[in-house]
Amino acid sequence: MSQATHGSAPDIAGKGIANPYAMIMSGKMLFEWLSRKRGEPKAAAAARLIEKAMDAVISEAKTLTPDLGGKAGTTQMGDAVAAAV
């Protein structure tokens, strides 16, 4: 199971403004764990791709959520990370 380290944020649920960083990076950490646990190099490669993609999106600063100083919604930032992968 993979989950973000923060709570469920019911105060912003359904508003499309949540920062997807923690959830995406939790998935990255799950791939890292799978790589270590099962000796699976493809899982380690997937983790590196996700990390590089997130770094690129944050560095570009074009599709960031409001808490990071941007105007993008949750979906837009998540889509930007997916496209960068």
N, C-alpha and C. Protein backbone atom coordinates (compact mmCIF):
# COMPACT_ATOMS: atom_id res chain seq x y z
N MET A 1 0.84 -1.17 0.00
CA MET A 1 0.00 0.00 0.00
C MET A 1 0.89 1.23 0.00
N SER A 2 0.46 2.23 -0.74
CA SER A 2 1.20 3.48 -0.83
C SER A 2 0.25 4.62 -0.49
N GLN A 3 0.68 5.49 0.38
CA GLN A 3 -0.16 6.64 0.69
C GLN A 3 0.70 7.84 1.02
N ALA A 4 0.15 9.01 0.78
CA ALA A 4 0.87 10.24 1.08
C ALA A 4 0.99 10.39 2.60
N THR A 5 1.95 11.18 3.02
CA THR A 5 2.20 11.34 4.45
C THR A 5 1.26 12.33 5.12
N HIS A 6 0.48 13.02 4.35
CA HIS A 6 -0.45 13.99 4.92
C HIS A 6 -1.83 13.38 5.10
N GLY A 7 -2.75 14.13 5.64
CA GLY A 7 -4.12 13.66 5.83
C GLY A 7 -4.91 13.72 4.54
N SER A 8 -6.20 13.51 4.65
CA SER A 8 -7.07 13.47 3.47
C SER A 8 -7.52 14.85 3.01
N ALA A 9 -7.27 15.89 3.79
CA ALA A 9 -7.59 17.27 3.45
C ALA A 9 -9.04 17.46 3.04
N PRO A 10 -9.98 17.10 3.91
CA PRO A 10 -11.39 17.22 3.55
C PRO A 10 -11.83 18.66 3.25
N ASP A 11 -11.10 19.64 3.75
CA ASP A 11 -11.46 21.03 3.51
C ASP A 11 -11.27 21.46 2.06
N ILE A 12 -10.43 20.73 1.32
CA ILE A 12 -10.23 21.09 -0.09
C ILE A 12 -10.68 19.97 -1.04
N ALA A 13 -11.32 18.95 -0.51
CA ALA A 13 -11.78 17.83 -1.32
C ALA A 13 -12.70 18.32 -2.44
N GLY A 14 -12.44 17.83 -3.65
CA GLY A 14 -13.27 18.15 -4.79
C GLY A 14 -13.01 19.51 -5.43
N LYS A 15 -12.08 20.27 -4.89
CA LYS A 15 -11.80 21.60 -5.43
C LYS A 15 -10.71 21.59 -6.51
N GLY A 16 -10.01 20.48 -6.64
CA GLY A 16 -8.97 20.38 -7.65
C GLY A 16 -7.75 21.24 -7.40
N ILE A 17 -7.50 21.55 -6.12
CA ILE A 17 -6.36 22.42 -5.80
C ILE A 17 -5.29 21.71 -4.97
N ALA A 18 -5.50 20.45 -4.67
CA ALA A 18 -4.53 19.71 -3.86
C ALA A 18 -3.24 19.50 -4.63
N ASN A 19 -2.15 19.61 -3.95
CA ASN A 19 -0.83 19.37 -4.55
C ASN A 19 -0.63 17.85 -4.63
N PRO A 20 -0.42 17.30 -5.83
CA PRO A 20 -0.26 15.85 -5.96
C PRO A 20 1.15 15.34 -5.65
N TYR A 21 2.05 16.24 -5.27
CA TYR A 21 3.45 15.87 -5.04
C TYR A 21 3.59 14.67 -4.08
N ALA A 22 2.98 14.77 -2.92
CA ALA A 22 3.17 13.73 -1.90
C ALA A 22 2.67 12.37 -2.37
N MET A 23 1.54 12.35 -3.06
CA MET A 23 1.00 11.07 -3.52
C MET A 23 1.87 10.47 -4.62
N ILE A 24 2.31 11.31 -5.54
CA ILE A 24 3.17 10.83 -6.63
C ILE A 24 4.49 10.31 -6.07
N MET A 25 5.07 11.06 -5.14
CA MET A 25 6.35 10.64 -4.58
C MET A 25 6.19 9.41 -3.67
N SER A 26 5.03 9.23 -3.09
CA SER A 26 4.77 7.99 -2.34
C SER A 26 4.79 6.80 -3.28
N GLY A 27 4.24 6.98 -4.47
CA GLY A 27 4.31 5.92 -5.48
C GLY A 27 5.74 5.63 -5.88
N LYS A 28 6.54 6.68 -6.01
CA LYS A 28 7.97 6.52 -6.33
C LYS A 28 8.66 5.70 -5.24
N MET A 29 8.35 6.01 -3.99
CA MET A 29 8.96 5.27 -2.88
C MET A 29 8.50 3.81 -2.87
N LEU A 30 7.27 3.56 -3.30
CA LEU A 30 6.80 2.18 -3.40
C LEU A 30 7.62 1.42 -4.44
N PHE A 31 7.90 2.06 -5.58
CA PHE A 31 8.74 1.41 -6.58
C PHE A 31 10.14 1.14 -6.03
N GLU A 32 10.69 2.08 -5.27
CA GLU A 32 12.01 1.87 -4.67
C GLU A 32 11.98 0.68 -3.71
N TRP A 33 10.94 0.59 -2.90
CA TRP A 33 10.81 -0.52 -1.97
C TRP A 33 10.70 -1.85 -2.72
N LEU A 34 9.86 -1.85 -3.78
CA LEU A 34 9.72 -3.07 -4.57
C LEU A 34 11.05 -3.49 -5.19
N SER A 35 11.82 -2.52 -5.61
CA SER A 35 13.13 -2.82 -6.18
C SER A 35 14.03 -3.49 -5.16
N ARG A 36 14.05 -2.93 -3.95
CA ARG A 36 14.89 -3.52 -2.89
C ARG A 36 14.35 -4.87 -2.45
N LYS A 37 13.07 -4.96 -2.24
CA LYS A 37 12.45 -6.18 -1.70
C LYS A 37 12.54 -7.35 -2.68
N ARG A 38 12.33 -7.06 -3.95
CA ARG A 38 12.27 -8.12 -4.94
C ARG A 38 13.47 -8.15 -5.89
N GLY A 39 14.40 -7.20 -5.70
CA GLY A 39 15.56 -7.15 -6.57
C GLY A 39 15.17 -6.86 -8.01
N GLU A 40 14.18 -6.01 -8.19
CA GLU A 40 13.64 -5.72 -9.52
C GLU A 40 14.19 -4.40 -10.07
N PRO A 41 15.12 -4.47 -11.02
CA PRO A 41 15.72 -3.25 -11.55
C PRO A 41 14.72 -2.34 -12.28
N LYS A 42 13.69 -2.91 -12.87
CA LYS A 42 12.70 -2.08 -13.57
C LYS A 42 11.94 -1.18 -12.60
N ALA A 43 11.72 -1.66 -11.39
CA ALA A 43 11.05 -0.83 -10.38
C ALA A 43 11.95 0.34 -9.98
N ALA A 44 13.24 0.09 -9.85
CA ALA A 44 14.18 1.17 -9.52
C ALA A 44 14.23 2.19 -10.65
N ALA A 45 14.19 1.71 -11.89
CA ALA A 45 14.20 2.61 -13.05
C ALA A 45 12.94 3.46 -13.07
N ALA A 46 11.81 2.86 -12.75
CA ALA A 46 10.54 3.60 -12.70
C ALA A 46 10.60 4.69 -11.64
N ALA A 47 11.17 4.39 -10.49
CA ALA A 47 11.31 5.38 -9.42
C ALA A 47 12.16 6.55 -9.88
N ARG A 48 13.24 6.26 -10.57
CA ARG A 48 14.11 7.34 -11.07
C ARG A 48 13.39 8.21 -12.10
N LEU A 49 12.61 7.59 -12.97
CA LEU A 49 11.85 8.34 -13.97
C LEU A 49 10.85 9.28 -13.30
N ILE A 50 10.17 8.78 -12.29
CA ILE A 50 9.18 9.61 -11.59
C ILE A 50 9.88 10.78 -10.90
N GLU A 51 10.99 10.51 -10.25
CA GLU A 51 11.71 11.58 -9.55
C GLU A 51 12.20 12.65 -10.53
N LYS A 52 12.77 12.22 -11.64
CA LYS A 52 13.24 13.17 -12.65
C LYS A 52 12.08 14.00 -13.21
N ALA A 53 10.95 13.35 -13.45
CA ALA A 53 9.79 14.05 -13.99
C ALA A 53 9.28 15.10 -13.00
N MET A 54 9.21 14.74 -11.73
CA MET A 54 8.75 15.70 -10.72
C MET A 54 9.73 16.86 -10.61
N ASP A 55 11.01 16.56 -10.61
CA ASP A 55 12.03 17.62 -10.56
C ASP A 55 11.87 18.58 -11.73
N ALA A 56 11.60 18.03 -12.91
CA ALA A 56 11.45 18.87 -14.11
C ALA A 56 10.22 19.77 -13.99
N VAL A 57 9.12 19.22 -13.54
CA VAL A 57 7.88 20.01 -13.40
C VAL A 57 8.07 21.12 -12.38
N ILE A 58 8.69 20.80 -11.26
CA ILE A 58 8.92 21.81 -10.23
C ILE A 58 9.88 22.89 -10.76
N SER A 59 10.93 22.48 -11.44
CA SER A 59 11.92 23.43 -11.97
C SER A 59 11.32 24.37 -13.02
N GLU A 60 10.47 23.82 -13.89
CA GLU A 60 9.83 24.64 -14.93
C GLU A 60 8.87 25.65 -14.33
N ALA A 61 8.21 25.25 -13.25
CA ALA A 61 7.27 26.12 -12.53
C ALA A 61 6.10 26.62 -13.39
N LYS A 62 5.73 25.86 -14.42
CA LYS A 62 4.61 26.25 -15.29
C LYS A 62 3.29 25.65 -14.84
N THR A 63 3.34 24.48 -14.22
CA THR A 63 2.11 23.79 -13.83
C THR A 63 2.16 23.39 -12.36
N LEU A 64 2.30 24.39 -11.51
CA LEU A 64 2.34 24.15 -10.08
C LEU A 64 1.01 24.53 -9.44
N THR A 65 0.68 23.86 -8.37
CA THR A 65 -0.54 24.17 -7.63
C THR A 65 -0.34 25.45 -6.82
N PRO A 66 -1.45 26.07 -6.37
CA PRO A 66 -1.36 27.34 -5.66
C PRO A 66 -0.43 27.35 -4.44
N ASP A 67 -0.35 26.25 -3.71
CA ASP A 67 0.53 26.21 -2.53
C ASP A 67 2.00 26.32 -2.91
N LEU A 68 2.32 26.08 -4.18
CA LEU A 68 3.70 26.20 -4.67
C LEU A 68 3.89 27.48 -5.49
N GLY A 69 2.89 28.35 -5.45
CA GLY A 69 2.99 29.62 -6.16
C GLY A 69 2.46 29.61 -7.57
N GLY A 70 1.83 28.51 -7.98
CA GLY A 70 1.30 28.42 -9.34
C GLY A 70 -0.21 28.60 -9.38
N LYS A 71 -0.75 28.37 -10.54
CA LYS A 71 -2.19 28.51 -10.75
C LYS A 71 -2.82 27.23 -11.28
N ALA A 72 -2.05 26.18 -11.39
CA ALA A 72 -2.55 24.91 -11.93
C ALA A 72 -3.36 24.16 -10.89
N GLY A 73 -4.24 23.31 -11.37
CA GLY A 73 -5.00 22.44 -10.49
C GLY A 73 -4.27 21.12 -10.30
N THR A 74 -4.86 20.29 -9.48
CA THR A 74 -4.29 18.97 -9.19
C THR A 74 -4.06 18.17 -10.46
N THR A 75 -5.08 18.11 -11.30
CA THR A 75 -4.99 17.32 -12.53
C THR A 75 -3.93 17.86 -13.46
N GLN A 76 -3.85 19.18 -13.60
CA GLN A 76 -2.86 19.76 -14.50
C GLN A 76 -1.44 19.45 -14.05
N MET A 77 -1.20 19.55 -12.76
CA MET A 77 0.16 19.25 -12.26
C MET A 77 0.45 17.76 -12.42
N GLY A 78 -0.52 16.93 -12.08
CA GLY A 78 -0.32 15.48 -12.24
C GLY A 78 -0.09 15.10 -13.69
N ASP A 79 -0.85 15.71 -14.60
CA ASP A 79 -0.68 15.45 -16.03
C ASP A 79 0.71 15.90 -16.50
N ALA A 80 1.20 17.01 -15.98
CA ALA A 80 2.53 17.49 -16.36
C ALA A 80 3.61 16.50 -15.93
N VAL A 81 3.45 15.95 -14.74
CA VAL A 81 4.42 14.96 -14.26
C VAL A 81 4.35 13.71 -15.13
N ALA A 82 3.14 13.26 -15.43
CA ALA A 82 2.98 12.07 -16.28
C ALA A 82 3.59 12.29 -17.66
N ALA A 83 3.38 13.47 -18.23
CA ALA A 83 3.95 13.78 -19.54
C ALA A 83 5.48 13.82 -19.49
N ALA A 84 6.03 14.27 -18.38
CA ALA A 84 7.48 14.34 -18.23
C ALA A 84 8.12 12.97 -18.07
N VAL A 85 7.34 12.01 -17.60
CA VAL A 85 7.86 10.65 -17.48
C VAL A 85 8.15 10.11 -18.86
